[in-house]
Amino acid sequence: MSYCRWSSDNWRCDLYCYEDVSGGITTHVAGNRIVGDIPEVPYILDVAPEEFFKAYRKQLDWLETAKREPIGLPYDSESFNDPDYESFLVRLLELREVGYNFPDYVIKEVKEDIKAQGG
């Protein structure tokens, strides 16, 4: 299961976080960010299929030529594997504190996973 991907928040997410099949929770931190306004894609169930796929294609075409710039924060391009949800939550809070972008729901989901494990 992934908590977030580069494509989360309309491609504004700096992290890719997932439960690793080898154990723990792995976080990859991006080394760069997309510059400019990324074309939005509507939620697939809110529009006709043709409209969704047209917007999706427009976004993918834009992303192919999008300019990127280095993020410039301490953990750019690093990867981490935390052994448990508590450690993962500490990592997320640290990454957020130094300026990395990721959806707010990630922290909420991790806290729910901690609670589900009796933490």
PDB file of N, CA and C in Angstrom:
ATOM      1  N   MET A   1       0.836  -1.174   0.000  1.00  0.00           N
ATOM      2  CA  MET A   1       0.000   0.000   0.000  1.00  0.00           C
ATOM      3  C   MET A   1       0.885   1.242   0.000  1.00  0.00           C
ATOM      4  N   SER A   2       0.531   2.225  -0.806  1.00  0.00           N
ATOM      5  CA  SER A   2       1.289   3.473  -0.772  1.00  0.00           C
ATOM      6  C   SER A   2       0.489   4.534  -0.030  1.00  0.00           C
ATOM      7  N   TYR A   3       1.203   5.377   0.671  1.00  0.00           N
ATOM      8  CA  TYR A   3       0.582   6.502   1.374  1.00  0.00           C
ATOM      9  C   TYR A   3       0.482   7.713   0.462  1.00  0.00           C
ATOM     10  N   CYS A   4       1.485   7.906  -0.371  1.00  0.00           N
ATOM     11  CA  CYS A   4       1.470   8.988  -1.353  1.00  0.00           C
ATOM     12  C   CYS A   4       2.499   8.664  -2.431  1.00  0.00           C
ATOM     13  N   ARG A   5       2.289   9.301  -3.573  1.00  0.00           N
ATOM     14  CA  ARG A   5       3.179   9.125  -4.725  1.00  0.00           C
ATOM     15  C   ARG A   5       3.535  10.501  -5.277  1.00  0.00           C
ATOM     16  N   TRP A   6       4.482  10.525  -6.196  1.00  0.00           N
ATOM     17  CA  TRP A   6       4.866  11.801  -6.817  1.00  0.00           C
ATOM     18  C   TRP A   6       3.631  12.496  -7.402  1.00  0.00           C
ATOM     19  N   SER A   7       2.693  11.703  -7.918  1.00  0.00           N
ATOM     20  CA  SER A   7       1.513  12.258  -8.580  1.00  0.00           C
ATOM     21  C   SER A   7       0.453  12.771  -7.608  1.00  0.00           C
ATOM     22  N   SER A   8       0.602  12.490  -6.313  1.00  0.00           N
ATOM     23  CA  SER A   8      -0.373  12.992  -5.340  1.00  0.00           C
ATOM     24  C   SER A   8      -0.377  14.514  -5.334  1.00  0.00           C
ATOM     25  N   ASP A   9      -1.510  15.087  -4.977  1.00  0.00           N
ATOM     26  CA  ASP A   9      -1.658  16.555  -4.960  1.00  0.00           C
ATOM     27  C   ASP A   9      -1.323  17.171  -6.308  1.00  0.00           C
ATOM     28  N   ASN A  10      -1.831  16.543  -7.384  1.00  0.00           N
ATOM     29  CA  ASN A  10      -1.609  17.060  -8.738  1.00  0.00           C
ATOM     30  C   ASN A  10      -0.121  17.238  -9.048  1.00  0.00           C
ATOM     31  N   TRP A  11       0.645  16.198  -8.746  1.00  0.00           N
ATOM     32  CA  TRP A  11       2.090  16.153  -9.027  1.00  0.00           C
ATOM     33  C   TRP A  11       2.903  17.133  -8.184  1.00  0.00           C
ATOM     34  N   ARG A  12       2.378  17.547  -7.041  1.00  0.00           N
ATOM     35  CA  ARG A  12       3.105  18.464  -6.157  1.00  0.00           C
ATOM     36  C   ARG A  12       3.697  17.765  -4.939  1.00  0.00           C
ATOM     37  N   CYS A  13       3.613  16.442  -4.902  1.00  0.00           N
ATOM     38  CA  CYS A  13       4.104  15.680  -3.760  1.00  0.00           C
ATOM     39  C   CYS A  13       5.603  15.414  -3.912  1.00  0.00           C
ATOM     40  N   ASP A  14       6.350  15.669  -2.850  1.00  0.00           N
ATOM     41  CA  ASP A  14       7.801  15.456  -2.856  1.00  0.00           C
ATOM     42  C   ASP A  14       8.190  14.063  -2.352  1.00  0.00           C
ATOM     43  N   LEU A  15       7.215  13.278  -1.911  1.00  0.00           N
ATOM     44  CA  LEU A  15       7.516  11.976  -1.323  1.00  0.00           C
ATOM     45  C   LEU A  15       6.785  10.856  -2.047  1.00  0.00           C
ATOM     46  N   TYR A  16       7.399   9.690  -2.016  1.00  0.00           N
ATOM     47  CA  TYR A  16       6.739   8.454  -2.422  1.00  0.00           C
ATOM     48  C   TYR A  16       6.923   7.523  -1.231  1.00  0.00           C
ATOM     49  N   CYS A  17       5.839   7.201  -0.546  1.00  0.00           N
ATOM     50  CA  CYS A  17       5.893   6.417   0.685  1.00  0.00           C
ATOM     51  C   CYS A  17       5.011   5.183   0.559  1.00  0.00           C
ATOM     52  N   TYR A  18       5.550   4.039   0.950  1.00  0.00           N
ATOM     53  CA  TYR A  18       4.794   2.798   0.825  1.00  0.00           C
ATOM     54  C   TYR A  18       5.265   1.752   1.830  1.00  0.00           C
ATOM     55  N   GLU A  19       4.369   0.802   2.136  1.00  0.00           N
ATOM     56  CA  GLU A  19       4.738  -0.339   2.945  1.00  0.00           C
ATOM     57  C   GLU A  19       5.606  -1.239   2.076  1.00  0.00           C
ATOM     58  N   ASP A  20       6.796  -1.510   2.540  1.00  0.00           N
ATOM     59  CA  ASP A  20       7.780  -2.257   1.747  1.00  0.00           C
ATOM     60  C   ASP A  20       7.593  -3.757   1.926  1.00  0.00           C
ATOM     61  N   VAL A  21       7.612  -4.506   0.835  1.00  0.00           N
ATOM     62  CA  VAL A  21       7.474  -5.965   0.924  1.00  0.00           C
ATOM     63  C   VAL A  21       8.636  -6.586   1.691  1.00  0.00           C
ATOM     64  N   SER A  22       9.752  -5.881   1.801  1.00  0.00           N
ATOM     65  CA  SER A  22      10.903  -6.378   2.560  1.00  0.00           C
ATOM     66  C   SER A  22      10.818  -5.996   4.031  1.00  0.00           C
ATOM     67  N   GLY A  23       9.783  -5.245   4.387  1.00  0.00           N
ATOM     68  CA  GLY A  23       9.590  -4.831   5.769  1.00  0.00           C
ATOM     69  C   GLY A  23       9.686  -3.324   5.938  1.00  0.00           C
ATOM     70  N   GLY A  24       8.980  -2.823   6.903  1.00  0.00           N
ATOM     71  CA  GLY A  24       9.008  -1.401   7.212  1.00  0.00           C
ATOM     72  C   GLY A  24       8.228  -0.560   6.206  1.00  0.00           C
ATOM     73  N   ILE A  25       8.423   0.728   6.325  1.00  0.00           N
ATOM     74  CA  ILE A  25       7.782   1.695   5.442  1.00  0.00           C
ATOM     75  C   ILE A  25       8.894   2.490   4.769  1.00  0.00           C
ATOM     76  N   THR A  26       8.902   2.488   3.452  1.00  0.00           N
ATOM     77  CA  THR A  26       9.948   3.162   2.685  1.00  0.00           C
ATOM     78  C   THR A  26       9.464   4.516   2.211  1.00  0.00           C
ATOM     79  N   THR A  27      10.352   5.493   2.301  1.00  0.00           N
ATOM     80  CA  THR A  27      10.092   6.845   1.819  1.00  0.00           C
ATOM     81  C   THR A  27      11.204   7.240   0.864  1.00  0.00           C
ATOM     82  N   HIS A  28      10.825   7.643  -0.346  1.00  0.00           N
ATOM     83  CA  HIS A  28      11.766   8.215  -1.302  1.00  0.00           C
ATOM     84  C   HIS A  28      11.450   9.708  -1.374  1.00  0.00           C
ATOM     85  N   VAL A  29      12.482  10.521  -1.260  1.00  0.00           N
ATOM     86  CA  VAL A  29      12.321  11.968  -1.310  1.00  0.00           C
ATOM     87  C   VAL A  29      12.771  12.454  -2.686  1.00  0.00           C
ATOM     88  N   ALA A  30      11.947  13.275  -3.309  1.00  0.00           N
ATOM     89  CA  ALA A  30      12.281  13.809  -4.635  1.00  0.00           C
ATOM     90  C   ALA A  30      13.491  14.725  -4.562  1.00  0.00           C
ATOM     91  N   GLY A  31      14.171  14.842  -5.673  1.00  0.00           N
ATOM     92  CA  GLY A  31      15.300  15.752  -5.771  1.00  0.00           C
ATOM     93  C   GLY A  31      14.959  17.031  -6.507  1.00  0.00           C
ATOM     94  N   ASN A  32      13.790  17.017  -7.189  1.00  0.00           N
ATOM     95  CA  ASN A  32      13.387  18.212  -7.928  1.00  0.00           C
ATOM     96  C   ASN A  32      11.872  18.355  -7.899  1.00  0.00           C
ATOM     97  N   ARG A  33      11.426  19.545  -8.298  1.00  0.00           N
ATOM     98  CA  ARG A  33       9.994  19.846  -8.367  1.00  0.00           C
ATOM     99  C   ARG A  33       9.665  20.384  -9.746  1.00  0.00           C
ATOM    100  N   ILE A  34       8.438  20.158 -10.147  1.00  0.00           N
ATOM    101  CA  ILE A  34       7.945  20.688 -11.417  1.00  0.00           C
ATOM    102  C   ILE A  34       7.680  22.178 -11.259  1.00  0.00           C
ATOM    103  N   VAL A  35       8.064  22.938 -12.279  1.00  0.00           N
ATOM    104  CA  VAL A  35       7.861  24.394 -12.274  1.00  0.00           C
ATOM    105  C   VAL A  35       6.638  24.706 -13.137  1.00  0.00           C
ATOM    106  N   GLY A  36       5.786  25.552 -12.646  1.00  0.00           N
ATOM    107  CA  GLY A  36       4.630  25.975 -13.428  1.00  0.00           C
ATOM    108  C   GLY A  36       3.329  25.385 -12.926  1.00  0.00           C
ATOM    109  N   ASP A  37       2.249  25.781 -13.587  1.00  0.00           N
ATOM    110  CA  ASP A  37       0.912  25.328 -13.228  1.00  0.00           C
ATOM    111  C   ASP A  37       0.565  24.070 -14.007  1.00  0.00           C
ATOM    112  N   ILE A  38       0.459  22.985 -13.302  1.00  0.00           N
ATOM    113  CA  ILE A  38       0.164  21.695 -13.906  1.00  0.00           C
ATOM    114  C   ILE A  38      -1.325  21.647 -14.243  1.00  0.00           C
ATOM    115  N   PRO A  39      -1.678  21.279 -15.469  1.00  0.00           N
ATOM    116  CA  PRO A  39      -3.097  21.171 -15.817  1.00  0.00           C
ATOM    117  C   PRO A  39      -3.809  20.174 -14.891  1.00  0.00           C
ATOM    118  N   GLU A  40      -4.952  20.576 -14.375  1.00  0.00           N
ATOM    119  CA  GLU A  40      -5.732  19.736 -13.470  1.00  0.00           C
ATOM    120  C   GLU A  40      -6.469  18.654 -14.249  1.00  0.00           C
ATOM    121  N   VAL A  41      -6.670  17.524 -13.591  1.00  0.00           N
ATOM    122  CA  VAL A  41      -7.479  16.447 -14.139  1.00  0.00           C
ATOM    123  C   VAL A  41      -8.666  16.256 -13.192  1.00  0.00           C
ATOM    124  N   PRO A  42      -9.892  16.308 -13.715  1.00  0.00           N
ATOM    125  CA  PRO A  42     -11.059  16.136 -12.839  1.00  0.00           C
ATOM    126  C   PRO A  42     -11.148  14.708 -12.310  1.00  0.00           C
ATOM    127  N   TYR A  43     -11.860  14.554 -11.226  1.00  0.00           N
ATOM    128  CA  TYR A  43     -12.101  13.220 -10.685  1.00  0.00           C
ATOM    129  C   TYR A  43     -12.876  12.413 -11.721  1.00  0.00           C
ATOM    130  N   ILE A  44     -12.430  11.214 -11.968  1.00  0.00           N
ATOM    131  CA  ILE A  44     -12.949  10.406 -13.071  1.00  0.00           C
ATOM    132  C   ILE A  44     -14.467  10.195 -13.026  1.00  0.00           C
ATOM    133  N   LEU A  45     -15.046  10.143 -11.848  1.00  0.00           N
ATOM    134  CA  LEU A  45     -16.486   9.904 -11.753  1.00  0.00           C
ATOM    135  C   LEU A  45     -17.315  11.190 -11.861  1.00  0.00           C
ATOM    136  N   ASP A  46     -16.639  12.338 -11.884  1.00  0.00           N
ATOM    137  CA  ASP A  46     -17.351  13.617 -11.957  1.00  0.00           C
ATOM    138  C   ASP A  46     -17.605  14.094 -13.378  1.00  0.00           C
ATOM    139  N   VAL A  47     -16.998  13.453 -14.356  1.00  0.00           N
ATOM    140  CA  VAL A  47     -17.115  13.904 -15.750  1.00  0.00           C
ATOM    141  C   VAL A  47     -17.289  12.701 -16.677  1.00  0.00           C
ATOM    142  N   ALA A  48     -17.655  12.997 -17.905  1.00  0.00           N
ATOM    143  CA  ALA A  48     -17.755  11.937 -18.915  1.00  0.00           C
ATOM    144  C   ALA A  48     -16.365  11.354 -19.165  1.00  0.00           C
ATOM    145  N   PRO A  49     -16.285  10.084 -19.499  1.00  0.00           N
ATOM    146  CA  PRO A  49     -14.981   9.456 -19.738  1.00  0.00           C
ATOM    147  C   PRO A  49     -14.126  10.199 -20.760  1.00  0.00           C
ATOM    148  N   GLU A  50     -14.754  10.685 -21.836  1.00  0.00           N
ATOM    149  CA  GLU A  50     -13.990  11.406 -22.865  1.00  0.00           C
ATOM    150  C   GLU A  50     -13.340  12.667 -22.296  1.00  0.00           C
ATOM    151  N   GLU A  51     -14.081  13.367 -21.438  1.00  0.00           N
ATOM    152  CA  GLU A  51     -13.550  14.596 -20.832  1.00  0.00           C
ATOM    153  C   GLU A  51     -12.390  14.275 -19.896  1.00  0.00           C
ATOM    154  N   PHE A  52     -12.543  13.207 -19.105  1.00  0.00           N
ATOM    155  CA  PHE A  52     -11.472  12.806 -18.200  1.00  0.00           C
ATOM    156  C   PHE A  52     -10.204  12.474 -18.984  1.00  0.00           C
ATOM    157  N   PHE A  53     -10.327  11.618 -19.993  1.00  0.00           N
ATOM    158  CA  PHE A  53      -9.139  11.182 -20.731  1.00  0.00           C
ATOM    159  C   PHE A  53      -8.506  12.313 -21.542  1.00  0.00           C
ATOM    160  N   LYS A  54      -9.295  13.244 -21.994  1.00  0.00           N
ATOM    161  CA  LYS A  54      -8.746  14.411 -22.691  1.00  0.00           C
ATOM    162  C   LYS A  54      -7.903  15.248 -21.720  1.00  0.00           C
ATOM    163  N   ALA A  55      -8.426  15.489 -20.523  1.00  0.00           N
ATOM    164  CA  ALA A  55      -7.685  16.259 -19.509  1.00  0.00           C
ATOM    165  C   ALA A  55      -6.440  15.501 -19.063  1.00  0.00           C
ATOM    166  N   TYR A  56      -6.563  14.196 -18.892  1.00  0.00           N
ATOM    167  CA  TYR A  56      -5.436  13.368 -18.477  1.00  0.00           C
ATOM    168  C   TYR A  56      -4.325  13.404 -19.525  1.00  0.00           C
ATOM    169  N   ARG A  57      -4.667  13.276 -20.792  1.00  0.00           N
ATOM    170  CA  ARG A  57      -3.692  13.332 -21.879  1.00  0.00           C
ATOM    171  C   ARG A  57      -3.008  14.698 -21.915  1.00  0.00           C
ATOM    172  N   LYS A  58      -3.800  15.763 -21.721  1.00  0.00           N
ATOM    173  CA  LYS A  58      -3.246  17.121 -21.699  1.00  0.00           C
ATOM    174  C   LYS A  58      -2.214  17.244 -20.571  1.00  0.00           C
ATOM    175  N   GLN A  59      -2.545  16.692 -19.410  1.00  0.00           N
ATOM    176  CA  GLN A  59      -1.620  16.751 -18.287  1.00  0.00           C
ATOM    177  C   GLN A  59      -0.343  15.968 -18.590  1.00  0.00           C
ATOM    178  N   LEU A  60      -0.476  14.757 -19.109  1.00  0.00           N
ATOM    179  CA  LEU A  60       0.704  13.944 -19.426  1.00  0.00           C
ATOM    180  C   LEU A  60       1.587  14.615 -20.474  1.00  0.00           C
ATOM    181  N   ASP A  61       0.966  15.211 -21.495  1.00  0.00           N
ATOM    182  CA  ASP A  61       1.742  15.927 -22.516  1.00  0.00           C
ATOM    183  C   ASP A  61       2.497  17.092 -21.895  1.00  0.00           C
ATOM    184  N   TRP A  62       1.834  17.829 -21.019  1.00  0.00           N
ATOM    185  CA  TRP A  62       2.466  18.975 -20.351  1.00  0.00           C
ATOM    186  C   TRP A  62       3.637  18.504 -19.496  1.00  0.00           C
ATOM    187  N   LEU A  63       3.453  17.404 -18.768  1.00  0.00           N
ATOM    188  CA  LEU A  63       4.495  16.888 -17.885  1.00  0.00           C
ATOM    189  C   LEU A  63       5.738  16.434 -18.641  1.00  0.00           C
ATOM    190  N   GLU A  64       5.563  15.950 -19.861  1.00  0.00           N
ATOM    191  CA  GLU A  64       6.712  15.489 -20.655  1.00  0.00           C
ATOM    192  C   GLU A  64       7.720  16.596 -20.914  1.00  0.00           C
ATOM    193  N   THR A  65       7.261  17.820 -21.033  1.00  0.00           N
ATOM    194  CA  THR A  65       8.165  18.930 -21.344  1.00  0.00           C
ATOM    195  C   THR A  65       8.304  19.919 -20.182  1.00  0.00           C
ATOM    196  N   ALA A  66       7.703  19.586 -19.057  1.00  0.00           N
ATOM    197  CA  ALA A  66       7.727  20.510 -17.915  1.00  0.00           C
ATOM    198  C   ALA A  66       9.156  20.740 -17.423  1.00  0.00           C
ATOM    199  N   LYS A  67       9.409  21.964 -17.053  1.00  0.00           N
ATOM    200  CA  LYS A  67      10.697  22.318 -16.463  1.00  0.00           C
ATOM    201  C   LYS A  67      10.694  21.856 -15.001  1.00  0.00           C
ATOM    202  N   ARG A  68      11.846  21.408 -14.552  1.00  0.00           N
ATOM    203  CA  ARG A  68      12.006  20.993 -13.164  1.00  0.00           C
ATOM    204  C   ARG A  68      13.188  21.742 -12.563  1.00  0.00           C
ATOM    205  N   GLU A  69      13.089  21.957 -11.263  1.00  0.00           N
ATOM    206  CA  GLU A  69      14.200  22.618 -10.575  1.00  0.00           C
ATOM    207  C   GLU A  69      14.506  21.875  -9.282  1.00  0.00           C
ATOM    208  N   PRO A  70      15.772  21.918  -8.852  1.00  0.00           N
ATOM    209  CA  PRO A  70      16.142  21.254  -7.598  1.00  0.00           C
ATOM    210  C   PRO A  70      15.323  21.811  -6.441  1.00  0.00           C
ATOM    211  N   ILE A  71      14.974  20.933  -5.505  1.00  0.00           N
ATOM    212  CA  ILE A  71      14.226  21.386  -4.328  1.00  0.00           C
ATOM    213  C   ILE A  71      15.140  22.196  -3.418  1.00  0.00           C
ATOM    214  N   GLY A  72      16.327  21.676  -3.136  1.00  0.00           N
ATOM    215  CA  GLY A  72      17.286  22.423  -2.323  1.00  0.00           C
ATOM    216  C   GLY A  72      17.105  22.274  -0.826  1.00  0.00           C
ATOM    217  N   LEU A  73      16.543  21.151  -0.394  1.00  0.00           N
ATOM    218  CA  LEU A  73      16.385  20.895   1.039  1.00  0.00           C
ATOM    219  C   LEU A  73      17.309  19.743   1.446  1.00  0.00           C
ATOM    220  N   PRO A  74      17.491  19.535   2.745  1.00  0.00           N
ATOM    221  CA  PRO A  74      18.520  18.600   3.216  1.00  0.00           C
ATOM    222  C   PRO A  74      18.400  17.141   2.787  1.00  0.00           C
ATOM    223  N   TYR A  75      17.193  16.655   2.487  1.00  0.00           N
ATOM    224  CA  TYR A  75      17.042  15.228   2.200  1.00  0.00           C
ATOM    225  C   TYR A  75      16.700  14.937   0.736  1.00  0.00           C
ATOM    226  N   ASP A  76      16.969  15.884  -0.149  1.00  0.00           N
ATOM    227  CA  ASP A  76      16.688  15.689  -1.574  1.00  0.00           C
ATOM    228  C   ASP A  76      17.316  14.388  -2.076  1.00  0.00           C
ATOM    229  N   SER A  77      16.523  13.608  -2.804  1.00  0.00           N
ATOM    230  CA  SER A  77      16.951  12.358  -3.455  1.00  0.00           C
ATOM    231  C   SER A  77      17.352  11.248  -2.489  1.00  0.00           C
ATOM    232  N   GLU A  78      17.008  11.382  -1.220  1.00  0.00           N
ATOM    233  CA  GLU A  78      17.342  10.340  -0.239  1.00  0.00           C
ATOM    234  C   GLU A  78      16.200   9.348  -0.119  1.00  0.00           C
ATOM    235  N   SER A  79      16.508   8.165   0.369  1.00  0.00           N
ATOM    236  CA  SER A  79      15.505   7.136   0.655  1.00  0.00           C
ATOM    237  C   SER A  79      15.693   6.661   2.087  1.00  0.00           C
ATOM    238  N   PHE A  80      14.580   6.330   2.735  1.00  0.00           N
ATOM    239  CA  PHE A  80      14.593   5.885   4.124  1.00  0.00           C
ATOM    240  C   PHE A  80      13.679   4.670   4.253  1.00  0.00           C
ATOM    241  N   ASN A  81      13.981   3.804   5.207  1.00  0.00           N
ATOM    242  CA  ASN A  81      13.084   2.712   5.547  1.00  0.00           C
ATOM    243  C   ASN A  81      12.925   2.713   7.057  1.00  0.00           C
ATOM    244  N   ASP A  82      11.703   3.004   7.489  1.00  0.00           N
ATOM    245  CA  ASP A  82      11.416   3.035   8.923  1.00  0.00           C
ATOM    246  C   ASP A  82      10.791   1.705   9.336  1.00  0.00           C
ATOM    247  N   PRO A  83      11.206   1.167  10.486  1.00  0.00           N
ATOM    248  CA  PRO A  83      10.767  -0.163  10.891  1.00  0.00           C
ATOM    249  C   PRO A  83       9.309  -0.254  11.342  1.00  0.00           C
ATOM    250  N   ASP A  84       8.714   0.878  11.734  1.00  0.00           N
ATOM    251  CA  ASP A  84       7.345   0.840  12.246  1.00  0.00           C
ATOM    252  C   ASP A  84       6.648   2.178  11.974  1.00  0.00           C
ATOM    253  N   TYR A  85       5.345   2.196  12.232  1.00  0.00           N
ATOM    254  CA  TYR A  85       4.553   3.388  11.943  1.00  0.00           C
ATOM    255  C   TYR A  85       4.956   4.584  12.802  1.00  0.00           C
ATOM    256  N   GLU A  86       5.335   4.332  14.036  1.00  0.00           N
ATOM    257  CA  GLU A  86       5.737   5.439  14.909  1.00  0.00           C
ATOM    258  C   GLU A  86       6.972   6.148  14.353  1.00  0.00           C
ATOM    259  N   SER A  87       7.956   5.361  13.922  1.00  0.00           N
ATOM    260  CA  SER A  87       9.173   5.939  13.334  1.00  0.00           C
ATOM    261  C   SER A  87       8.864   6.650  12.021  1.00  0.00           C
ATOM    262  N   PHE A  88       7.969   6.060  11.248  1.00  0.00           N
ATOM    263  CA  PHE A  88       7.540   6.664   9.983  1.00  0.00           C
ATOM    264  C   PHE A  88       6.872   8.005  10.230  1.00  0.00           C
ATOM    265  N   LEU A  89       6.022   8.081  11.250  1.00  0.00           N
ATOM    266  CA  LEU A  89       5.359   9.343  11.579  1.00  0.00           C
ATOM    267  C   LEU A  89       6.385  10.411  11.969  1.00  0.00           C
ATOM    268  N   VAL A  90       7.373  10.048  12.761  1.00  0.00           N
ATOM    269  CA  VAL A  90       8.435  10.992  13.137  1.00  0.00           C
ATOM    270  C   VAL A  90       9.156  11.475  11.883  1.00  0.00           C
ATOM    271  N   ARG A  91       9.452  10.569  10.968  1.00  0.00           N
ATOM    272  CA  ARG A  91      10.126  10.928   9.713  1.00  0.00           C
ATOM    273  C   ARG A  91       9.274  11.915   8.918  1.00  0.00           C
ATOM    274  N   LEU A  92       7.981  11.619   8.769  1.00  0.00           N
ATOM    275  CA  LEU A  92       7.098  12.516   8.020  1.00  0.00           C
ATOM    276  C   LEU A  92       7.057  13.911   8.630  1.00  0.00           C
ATOM    277  N   LEU A  93       6.940  13.974   9.936  1.00  0.00           N
ATOM    278  CA  LEU A  93       6.881  15.281  10.601  1.00  0.00           C
ATOM    279  C   LEU A  93       8.180  16.056  10.413  1.00  0.00           C
ATOM    280  N   GLU A  94       9.312  15.357  10.437  1.00  0.00           N
ATOM    281  CA  GLU A  94      10.597  16.004  10.188  1.00  0.00           C
ATOM    282  C   GLU A  94      10.675  16.516   8.747  1.00  0.00           C
ATOM    283  N   LEU A  95      10.259  15.695   7.795  1.00  0.00           N
ATOM    284  CA  LEU A  95      10.303  16.110   6.389  1.00  0.00           C
ATOM    285  C   LEU A  95       9.375  17.301   6.141  1.00  0.00           C
ATOM    286  N   ARG A  96       8.213  17.300   6.762  1.00  0.00           N
ATOM    287  CA  ARG A  96       7.294  18.432   6.628  1.00  0.00           C
ATOM    288  C   ARG A  96       7.913  19.688   7.247  1.00  0.00           C
ATOM    289  N   GLU A  97       8.544  19.531   8.401  1.00  0.00           N
ATOM    290  CA  GLU A  97       9.143  20.664   9.115  1.00  0.00           C
ATOM    291  C   GLU A  97      10.222  21.360   8.282  1.00  0.00           C
ATOM    292  N   VAL A  98      11.017  20.590   7.542  1.00  0.00           N
ATOM    293  CA  VAL A  98      12.079  21.215   6.744  1.00  0.00           C
ATOM    294  C   VAL A  98      11.585  21.732   5.398  1.00  0.00           C
ATOM    295  N   GLY A  99      10.313  21.408   5.033  1.00  0.00           N
ATOM    296  CA  GLY A  99       9.744  22.025   3.845  1.00  0.00           C
ATOM    297  C   GLY A  99       9.306  21.131   2.699  1.00  0.00           C
ATOM    298  N   TYR A 100       9.315  19.819   2.894  1.00  0.00           N
ATOM    299  CA  TYR A 100       8.857  18.937   1.825  1.00  0.00           C
ATOM    300  C   TYR A 100       7.332  18.916   1.769  1.00  0.00           C
ATOM    301  N   ASN A 101       6.803  18.808   0.557  1.00  0.00           N
ATOM    302  CA  ASN A 101       5.360  18.809   0.333  1.00  0.00           C
ATOM    303  C   ASN A 101       4.824  17.389   0.218  1.00  0.00           C
ATOM    304  N   PHE A 102       3.730  17.134   0.898  1.00  0.00           N
ATOM    305  CA  PHE A 102       2.967  15.895   0.740  1.00  0.00           C
ATOM    306  C   PHE A 102       1.587  16.145   1.338  1.00  0.00           C
ATOM    307  N   PRO A 103       0.601  15.348   0.920  1.00  0.00           N
ATOM    308  CA  PRO A 103      -0.770  15.587   1.372  1.00  0.00           C
ATOM    309  C   PRO A 103      -0.944  15.427   2.884  1.00  0.00           C
ATOM    310  N   ASP A 104      -1.791  16.270   3.457  1.00  0.00           N
ATOM    311  CA  ASP A 104      -2.082  16.202   4.890  1.00  0.00           C
ATOM    312  C   ASP A 104      -2.663  14.857   5.301  1.00  0.00           C
ATOM    313  N   TYR A 105      -3.421  14.221   4.388  1.00  0.00           N
ATOM    314  CA  TYR A 105      -4.066  12.958   4.745  1.00  0.00           C
ATOM    315  C   TYR A 105      -3.055  11.865   5.081  1.00  0.00           C
ATOM    316  N   VAL A 106      -1.812  11.998   4.644  1.00  0.00           N
ATOM    317  CA  VAL A 106      -0.812  10.963   4.924  1.00  0.00           C
ATOM    318  C   VAL A 106      -0.586  10.853   6.430  1.00  0.00           C
ATOM    319  N   ILE A 107      -0.418  11.976   7.095  1.00  0.00           N
ATOM    320  CA  ILE A 107      -0.198  11.967   8.546  1.00  0.00           C
ATOM    321  C   ILE A 107      -1.419  11.382   9.251  1.00  0.00           C
ATOM    322  N   LYS A 108      -2.593  11.754   8.799  1.00  0.00           N
ATOM    323  CA  LYS A 108      -3.825  11.223   9.390  1.00  0.00           C
ATOM    324  C   LYS A 108      -3.891   9.701   9.237  1.00  0.00           C
ATOM    325  N   GLU A 109      -3.579   9.183   8.057  1.00  0.00           N
ATOM    326  CA  GLU A 109      -3.618   7.738   7.822  1.00  0.00           C
ATOM    327  C   GLU A 109      -2.595   6.992   8.683  1.00  0.00           C
ATOM    328  N   VAL A 110      -1.412   7.567   8.828  1.00  0.00           N
ATOM    329  CA  VAL A 110      -0.386   6.917   9.653  1.00  0.00           C
ATOM    330  C   VAL A 110      -0.837   6.879  11.111  1.00  0.00           C
ATOM    331  N   LYS A 111      -1.418   7.971  11.592  1.00  0.00           N
ATOM    332  CA  LYS A 111      -1.926   7.986  12.974  1.00  0.00           C
ATOM    333  C   LYS A 111      -3.027   6.942  13.158  1.00  0.00           C
ATOM    334  N   GLU A 112      -3.873   6.761  12.148  1.00  0.00           N
ATOM    335  CA  GLU A 112      -4.914   5.734  12.217  1.00  0.00           C
ATOM    336  C   GLU A 112      -4.300   4.337  12.242  1.00  0.00           C
ATOM    337  N   ASP A 113      -3.223   4.131  11.484  1.00  0.00           N
ATOM    338  CA  ASP A 113      -2.551   2.828  11.480  1.00  0.00           C
ATOM    339  C   ASP A 113      -1.901   2.551  12.835  1.00  0.00           C
ATOM    340  N   ILE A 114      -1.335   3.576  13.440  1.00  0.00           N
ATOM    341  CA  ILE A 114      -0.747   3.418  14.788  1.00  0.00           C
ATOM    342  C   ILE A 114      -1.832   3.033  15.773  1.00  0.00           C
ATOM    343  N   LYS A 115      -2.946   3.727  15.707  1.00  0.00           N
ATOM    344  CA  LYS A 115      -4.064   3.453  16.624  1.00  0.00           C
ATOM    345  C   LYS A 115      -4.602   2.036  16.414  1.00  0.00           C
ATOM    346  N   ALA A 116      -4.706   1.606  15.164  1.00  0.00           N
ATOM    347  CA  ALA A 116      -5.213   0.267  14.845  1.00  0.00           C
ATOM    348  C   ALA A 116      -4.305  -0.838  15.414  1.00  0.00           C
ATOM    349  N   GLN A 117      -3.025  -0.507  15.567  1.00  0.00           N
ATOM    350  CA  GLN A 117      -2.072  -1.483  16.123  1.00  0.00           C
ATOM    351  C   GLN A 117      -1.989  -1.402  17.638  1.00  0.00           C
ATOM    352  N   GLY A 118      -2.848  -0.568  18.210  1.00  0.00           N
ATOM    353  CA  GLY A 118      -2.876  -0.459  19.664  1.00  0.00           C
ATOM    354  C   GLY A 118      -1.907   0.564  20.224  1.00  0.00           C
ATOM    355  N   GLY A 119      -1.394   1.438  19.340  1.00  0.00           N
ATOM    356  CA  GLY A 119      -0.420   2.450  19.771  1.00  0.00           C
ATOM    357  C   GLY A 119      -1.027   3.727  20.217  1.00  0.00           C
TER     358      GLY A 119
END
